[in-house]
Amino acid sequence: MNIAVTGGAGFIGSWVAQLLLTEKRLLPPGVRDAKVAVIDNLSNGLEKNISDFSNHPRFLGLYRIDLKDGRAISELFAEFKFDICYHLAASISVQRSIDDPRETFDNDVVATFNLLEECRAHGTKMVYVSTCMVYAPAHNRPINEFHPTQCASPYAAAKLAGEKLVESYHHAYGLQTVILRPFNTYGPRQRLDGEGGVIAKFLWQKLSGEPITVFGDGSQTRDFTYVEDCARFIVMAGLESELNGFILNAGTGRDVPIRKLAEIIAADKVEIRFVPHPHPQSEKQRLVCDYSLAKNMLGWRPSVELEQGLALTESWLIENFADIREGMSGTVS
């Protein structure tokens, strides 16, 4: 079996590829010898993210391909005839999508179409990693998979468009698919300039002795999922045949106000500043996940509590502090 991971040198994608190669307990017997290829143009990903498994005997290599290049994708699929494609590559910045919607559309919709065409041609299962940002506001209850969708940014619209493309290929061509909607993911390898990386940004600001900067009044809440838990969910969902055609959430069921998160991280060591939100129209006031379906269908549940995940992420940032600062060439904004 050959498996492709698009965006596999990125934050979550590198954890997915690593688990596929190193955590055999997650894999059914027929998949434990699977070979894994990472497809990434390195616009967001980093080669160092795959260094821990780049010499693994079942690692097929890093293929620096832009998914908008249909011919390059076609050649790669013809060579390896992938059985499963975990699709994580995307433009993920809400703010940038508002400023430049065409880039997000091309990277998140056109690229997904190109991949789907190759999956259809080769009978490759598509595991499409979407986002909780496609959901409409929910003020008083956790969000399950049947909650209405509402797109407050071109990013959310592009991810939902990708979902609908995947759904159409499932119904029109019988393609095996599963659509996944993780809630806010954090942990080691997350870029400090990436959207949704509020934990990484807050921790970095603290470690740099800078004020922690909160958009708005900090009353907005988020359900934070540690990256290894998220990657485990993605891997498990892609290997479960009973989920063909399903949409599935992953989160912790616990939401935390951003103001409270800042206080936990600051620990009275640095100042907390509140600044106007650059795009308040895209803000979701409350996001908390109902992951009952993943629990019932996969036996998946989060294993890392927020406090433990914060400590693990901070330790990683401290360990890589010098390299990160050198690569940033400026202060995180």
Protein backbone atom coordinates (compact mmCIF):
# COMPACT_ATOMS: atom_id res chain seq x y z
CA MET A 1 0.00 0.00 0.00
CA ASN A 2 1.19 3.52 -0.87
CA ILE A 3 -0.15 6.57 0.98
CA ALA A 4 0.18 10.24 0.01
CA VAL A 5 0.11 13.06 2.57
CA THR A 6 -0.31 16.49 0.98
CA GLY A 7 0.99 19.28 3.17
CA GLY A 8 3.02 16.56 4.86
CA ALA A 9 5.90 18.90 5.72
CA GLY A 10 3.49 21.24 7.47
CA PHE A 11 2.28 21.40 11.04
CA ILE A 12 -0.43 18.73 11.26
CA GLY A 13 0.60 16.95 8.06
CA SER A 14 4.06 16.09 9.34
CA TRP A 15 2.50 14.50 12.44
CA VAL A 16 0.14 12.49 10.22
CA ALA A 17 3.02 11.21 8.09
CA GLN A 18 5.09 10.40 11.17
CA LEU A 19 2.27 8.42 12.81
CA LEU A 20 1.68 6.47 9.61
CA LEU A 21 5.33 5.45 9.58
CA THR A 22 6.05 4.92 13.27
CA GLU A 23 2.85 4.07 15.17
CA LYS A 24 1.98 0.58 13.97
CA ARG A 25 -0.49 0.12 16.82
CA LEU A 26 -2.77 2.59 15.02
CA LEU A 27 -2.65 0.68 11.76
CA PRO A 28 -4.61 -2.41 10.71
CA PRO A 29 -2.38 -5.41 9.88
CA GLY A 30 -2.72 -4.86 6.14
CA VAL A 31 -1.50 -1.28 6.41
CA ARG A 32 1.49 -1.71 8.70
CA ASP A 33 3.92 -2.02 5.80
CA ALA A 34 2.48 0.96 3.90
CA LYS A 35 4.87 3.39 2.26
CA VAL A 36 4.31 7.11 2.69
CA ALA A 37 5.05 9.99 0.32
CA VAL A 38 4.92 13.63 1.42
CA ILE A 39 3.72 16.14 -1.17
CA ASP A 40 4.48 19.72 -0.21
CA ASN A 41 5.61 22.83 -2.08
CA LEU A 42 7.10 24.16 1.20
CA SER A 43 5.15 27.42 1.02
CA ASN A 44 4.05 26.72 4.60
CA GLY A 45 5.84 23.48 5.39
CA LEU A 46 9.45 23.03 6.46
CA GLU A 47 11.86 20.25 5.61
CA LYS A 48 12.97 20.07 9.24
CA ASN A 49 9.43 18.98 10.16
CA ILE A 50 10.04 15.65 8.43
CA SER A 51 13.61 15.17 9.64
CA ASP A 52 12.57 12.71 12.36
CA PHE A 53 11.33 10.21 9.77
CA SER A 54 13.07 11.20 6.52
CA ASN A 55 15.35 8.13 6.75
CA HIS A 56 12.57 5.69 7.57
CA PRO A 57 12.69 2.66 5.23
CA ARG A 58 9.02 3.10 4.28
CA PHE A 59 9.30 6.82 3.54
CA LEU A 60 9.04 7.37 -0.22
CA GLY A 61 10.36 10.91 -0.03
CA LEU A 62 9.38 14.56 -0.14
CA TYR A 63 7.93 15.68 -3.49
CA ARG A 64 8.05 19.45 -3.89
CA ILE A 65 4.97 19.81 -6.06
CA ASP A 66 2.41 22.59 -6.19
CA LEU A 67 -1.01 20.96 -6.26
CA LYS A 68 -2.21 23.51 -8.79
CA ASP A 69 0.17 21.79 -11.24
CA GLY A 70 -2.15 19.10 -12.54
CA ARG A 71 0.47 17.48 -14.75
CA ALA A 72 2.98 17.02 -11.93
CA ILE A 73 0.30 15.50 -9.70
CA SER A 74 -0.79 13.17 -12.50
CA GLU A 75 2.77 11.93 -13.02
CA LEU A 76 3.25 11.25 -9.32
CA PHE A 77 -0.03 9.33 -9.00
CA ALA A 78 0.81 7.33 -12.11
CA GLU A 79 4.15 6.35 -10.54
CA PHE A 80 2.89 5.32 -7.11
CA LYS A 81 -0.82 4.56 -7.63
CA PHE A 82 -1.66 5.71 -4.13
CA ASP A 83 -4.25 3.77 -2.16
CA ILE A 84 -5.05 6.66 0.20
CA CYS A 85 -4.49 10.40 -0.08
CA TYR A 86 -4.55 12.40 3.14
CA HIS A 87 -5.17 15.94 1.88
CA LEU A 88 -3.98 18.61 4.33
CA ALA A 89 -2.27 21.09 1.99
CA ALA A 90 -4.08 24.43 1.99
CA SER A 91 -3.90 28.15 2.51
CA ILE A 92 -5.16 28.35 6.08
CA SER A 93 -5.08 32.04 7.02
CA VAL A 94 -8.50 33.60 7.59
CA GLN A 95 -7.04 37.10 7.56
CA ARG A 96 -5.00 36.52 4.42
CA SER A 97 -8.02 35.00 2.65
CA ILE A 98 -9.93 38.22 3.26
CA ASP A 99 -7.05 40.26 1.87
CA ASP A 100 -6.35 37.92 -1.08
CA PRO A 101 -9.28 35.58 -1.74
CA ARG A 102 -8.03 34.40 -5.14
CA GLU A 103 -4.88 32.84 -3.66
CA THR A 104 -6.97 30.92 -1.13
CA PHE A 105 -9.43 29.77 -3.81
CA ASP A 106 -6.65 28.51 -6.06
CA ASN A 107 -4.76 26.72 -3.27
CA ASP A 108 -7.80 25.24 -1.54
CA VAL A 109 -10.31 24.59 -4.33
CA VAL A 110 -8.42 24.24 -7.62
CA ALA A 111 -5.77 22.08 -5.95
CA THR A 112 -8.44 19.86 -4.38
CA PHE A 113 -10.09 19.40 -7.78
CA ASN A 114 -6.75 18.31 -9.30
CA LEU A 115 -6.26 15.77 -6.53
CA LEU A 116 -9.78 14.43 -6.84
CA GLU A 117 -9.31 13.83 -10.54
CA GLU A 118 -6.23 11.73 -9.83
CA CYS A 119 -7.99 9.91 -6.99
CA ARG A 120 -10.83 9.09 -9.37
CA ALA A 121 -8.44 7.87 -12.07
CA HIS A 122 -6.54 5.59 -9.68
CA GLY A 123 -9.25 4.54 -7.20
CA THR A 124 -7.48 6.42 -4.39
CA LYS A 125 -9.38 7.06 -1.19
CA MET A 126 -9.59 10.79 -0.36
CA VAL A 127 -9.27 11.90 3.26
CA TYR A 128 -10.10 15.60 3.16
CA VAL A 129 -9.05 17.63 6.19
CA SER A 130 -11.38 20.62 6.46
CA THR A 131 -11.96 22.98 9.38
CA CYS A 132 -14.41 23.87 12.15
CA MET A 133 -14.53 27.37 10.65
CA VAL A 134 -17.18 26.18 8.18
CA TYR A 135 -19.75 26.03 10.99
CA ALA A 136 -22.34 28.71 11.74
CA PRO A 137 -22.17 30.34 15.18
CA ALA A 138 -23.36 28.19 18.07
CA HIS A 139 -23.71 30.11 21.30
CA ASN A 140 -25.15 27.64 23.77
CA ARG A 141 -24.12 24.12 22.80
CA PRO A 142 -21.27 22.05 21.37
CA ILE A 143 -21.16 21.72 17.60
CA ASN A 144 -21.84 18.34 16.01
CA GLU A 145 -21.59 17.35 12.36
CA PHE A 146 -25.24 18.26 11.69
CA HIS A 147 -24.83 21.87 12.78
CA PRO A 148 -25.49 24.39 9.96
CA THR A 149 -22.58 25.79 7.99
CA GLN A 150 -21.90 29.48 7.44
CA CYS A 151 -18.83 30.97 5.83
CA ALA A 152 -17.59 34.22 7.36
CA SER A 153 -14.38 34.30 5.31
CA PRO A 154 -13.13 33.20 1.88
CA TYR A 155 -11.00 30.62 3.72
CA ALA A 156 -14.07 28.96 5.24
CA ALA A 157 -15.86 29.16 1.88
CA ALA A 158 -12.93 27.56 0.07
CA LYS A 159 -12.74 24.70 2.57
CA LEU A 160 -16.49 24.13 2.34
CA ALA A 161 -16.26 24.21 -1.46
CA GLY A 162 -13.56 21.56 -1.19
CA GLU A 163 -15.84 19.48 1.02
CA LYS A 164 -18.62 19.71 -1.54
CA LEU A 165 -16.28 18.68 -4.33
CA VAL A 166 -15.20 15.66 -2.30
CA GLU A 167 -18.82 14.82 -1.54
CA SER A 168 -19.73 15.07 -5.23
CA TYR A 169 -16.97 12.65 -6.24
CA HIS A 170 -18.21 10.21 -3.60
CA HIS A 171 -21.76 10.25 -4.97
CA ALA A 172 -21.05 10.72 -8.68
CA TYR A 173 -18.11 8.32 -9.05
CA GLY A 174 -18.30 6.07 -5.99
CA LEU A 175 -14.98 7.43 -4.71
CA GLN A 176 -14.14 6.44 -1.15
CA THR A 177 -14.00 9.61 0.92
CA VAL A 178 -14.12 10.95 4.46
CA ILE A 179 -14.30 14.62 5.42
CA LEU A 180 -12.74 15.73 8.71
CA ARG A 181 -13.33 18.91 10.68
CA PRO A 182 -10.74 19.32 13.44
CA PHE A 183 -11.18 22.15 15.92
CA ASN A 184 -8.30 24.46 16.82
CA THR A 185 -5.10 22.42 16.75
CA TYR A 186 -1.89 23.44 18.53
CA GLY A 187 1.46 21.97 19.49
CA PRO A 188 5.05 21.47 18.34
CA ARG A 189 5.89 22.45 14.73
CA GLN A 190 3.13 25.03 14.45
CA ARG A 191 4.31 28.13 12.66
CA LEU A 192 4.18 31.33 14.66
CA ASP A 193 2.88 33.31 11.68
CA GLY A 194 0.11 30.83 10.89
CA GLU A 195 -3.60 31.42 11.35
CA GLY A 196 -5.10 29.64 14.33
CA GLY A 197 -1.74 29.47 16.06
CA VAL A 198 -2.82 31.61 19.00
CA ILE A 199 -1.22 29.29 21.56
CA ALA A 200 2.10 29.25 19.73
CA LYS A 201 1.99 33.03 19.37
CA PHE A 202 1.14 33.63 23.03
CA LEU A 203 3.86 31.26 24.22
CA TRP A 204 6.42 32.84 21.92
CA GLN A 205 5.53 36.33 23.10
CA LYS A 206 5.94 35.18 26.69
CA LEU A 207 9.29 33.50 26.03
CA SER A 208 10.48 36.61 24.17
CA GLY A 209 9.46 38.84 27.08
CA GLU A 210 6.89 40.65 24.94
CA PRO A 211 3.30 41.53 25.87
CA ILE A 212 0.75 38.87 24.95
CA THR A 213 -1.52 40.41 22.32
CA VAL A 214 -5.22 39.49 22.34
CA PHE A 215 -7.55 40.45 19.50
CA GLY A 216 -10.77 42.03 20.75
CA ASP A 217 -11.82 41.67 24.38
CA GLY A 218 -10.76 38.03 24.62
CA SER A 219 -14.24 36.74 25.39
CA GLN A 220 -14.26 34.54 22.28
CA THR A 221 -13.73 30.86 23.11
CA ARG A 222 -11.92 28.03 21.35
CA ASP A 223 -11.71 24.25 21.70
CA PHE A 224 -7.97 23.47 21.57
CA THR A 225 -6.83 20.01 20.41
CA TYR A 226 -3.24 18.86 20.84
CA VAL A 227 -1.62 18.09 17.49
CA GLU A 228 -0.75 14.45 18.20
CA ASP A 229 -4.37 13.77 19.18
CA CYS A 230 -5.53 15.49 15.98
CA ALA A 231 -3.10 13.53 13.80
CA ARG A 232 -4.17 10.27 15.44
CA PHE A 233 -7.78 11.13 14.64
CA ILE A 234 -6.93 11.86 11.00
CA VAL A 235 -4.94 8.64 10.57
CA MET A 236 -7.62 6.49 12.22
CA ALA A 237 -10.46 8.06 10.23
CA GLY A 238 -8.67 7.49 6.94
CA LEU A 239 -8.19 3.79 7.67
CA GLU A 240 -11.76 3.06 8.81
CA SER A 241 -13.86 1.74 5.91
CA GLU A 242 -17.13 2.20 7.83
CA LEU A 243 -16.69 5.98 7.57
CA ASN A 244 -16.94 6.07 3.77
CA GLY A 245 -18.88 9.21 2.87
CA PHE A 246 -18.96 10.55 6.45
CA ILE A 247 -18.13 13.96 7.92
CA LEU A 248 -16.42 13.79 11.32
CA ASN A 249 -15.44 16.31 14.02
CA ALA A 250 -12.47 16.20 16.38
CA GLY A 251 -12.02 18.33 19.47
CA THR A 252 -11.98 18.09 23.25
CA GLY A 253 -15.47 19.26 24.20
CA ARG A 254 -13.91 21.99 26.37
CA ASP A 255 -13.72 25.61 25.24
CA VAL A 256 -11.53 28.26 26.80
CA PRO A 257 -11.92 32.06 26.52
CA ILE A 258 -8.91 33.59 24.80
CA ARG A 259 -8.58 36.04 27.68
CA LYS A 260 -8.29 33.10 30.10
CA LEU A 261 -5.79 31.36 27.83
CA ALA A 262 -3.63 34.50 27.82
CA GLU A 263 -3.75 34.63 31.63
CA ILE A 264 -2.72 30.96 31.94
CA ILE A 265 0.21 31.43 29.58
CA ALA A 266 1.31 34.81 30.93
CA ALA A 267 1.38 33.46 34.51
CA ASP A 268 1.85 37.04 35.75
CA LYS A 269 5.26 37.16 34.02
CA VAL A 270 4.34 39.35 31.04
CA GLU A 271 1.75 41.99 30.23
CA ILE A 272 -1.48 41.17 28.35
CA ARG A 273 -2.62 43.74 25.79
CA PHE A 274 -5.98 43.91 24.04
CA VAL A 275 -5.99 45.29 20.51
CA PRO A 276 -8.72 45.75 17.86
CA HIS A 277 -9.41 42.69 15.74
CA PRO A 278 -8.14 43.27 12.17
CA HIS A 279 -11.12 41.42 10.67
CA PRO A 280 -13.87 41.24 13.31
CA GLN A 281 -16.45 40.16 10.74
CA SER A 282 -14.70 36.77 10.46
CA GLU A 283 -14.55 36.09 14.20
CA LYS A 284 -16.47 33.16 15.71
CA GLN A 285 -17.54 34.00 19.25
CA ARG A 286 -17.72 30.42 20.51
CA LEU A 287 -16.30 27.17 19.16
CA VAL A 288 -16.65 23.95 21.15
CA CYS A 289 -16.72 20.48 19.64
CA ASP A 290 -19.11 17.58 20.02
CA TYR A 291 -16.89 14.64 19.04
CA SER A 292 -19.42 11.91 19.91
CA LEU A 293 -19.40 10.49 16.39
CA ALA A 294 -15.61 10.05 16.36
CA LYS A 295 -15.81 8.46 19.80
CA ASN A 296 -18.54 6.04 18.76
CA MET A 297 -17.30 5.20 15.25
CA LEU A 298 -13.55 5.21 15.84
CA GLY A 299 -13.08 4.81 19.57
CA TRP A 300 -11.15 8.09 19.35
CA ARG A 301 -10.96 10.60 22.15
CA PRO A 302 -8.41 13.29 23.04
CA SER A 303 -5.71 12.17 25.45
CA VAL A 304 -3.79 15.39 26.14
CA GLU A 305 -5.34 17.99 28.44
CA LEU A 306 -4.78 21.67 27.63
CA GLU A 307 -2.41 22.26 30.54
CA GLN A 308 -0.24 19.30 29.51
CA GLY A 309 -0.31 20.37 25.87
CA LEU A 310 0.74 23.90 26.78
CA ALA A 311 3.73 22.53 28.70
CA LEU A 312 4.75 20.27 25.79
CA THR A 313 4.44 23.12 23.30
CA GLU A 314 6.40 25.53 25.49
CA SER A 315 9.18 22.97 25.96
CA TRP A 316 9.42 22.54 22.19
CA LEU A 317 9.59 26.29 21.65
CA ILE A 318 12.33 26.62 24.27
CA GLU A 319 14.31 23.79 22.69
CA ASN A 320 14.04 25.39 19.24
CA PHE A 321 14.11 29.03 20.37
CA ALA A 322 17.32 30.05 18.59
CA ASP A 323 16.40 28.40 15.28
CA ILE A 324 12.90 29.88 15.33
CA ARG A 325 14.15 33.38 16.08
CA GLU A 326 16.74 33.13 13.31
CA GLY A 327 14.10 32.05 10.82
CA MET A 328 11.61 34.71 11.74
CA SER A 329 13.75 37.81 11.04
CA GLY A 330 11.34 39.99 12.97
CA THR A 331 8.82 40.04 15.78
CA VAL A 332 5.65 37.99 15.63
CA SER A 333 2.64 40.21 14.98
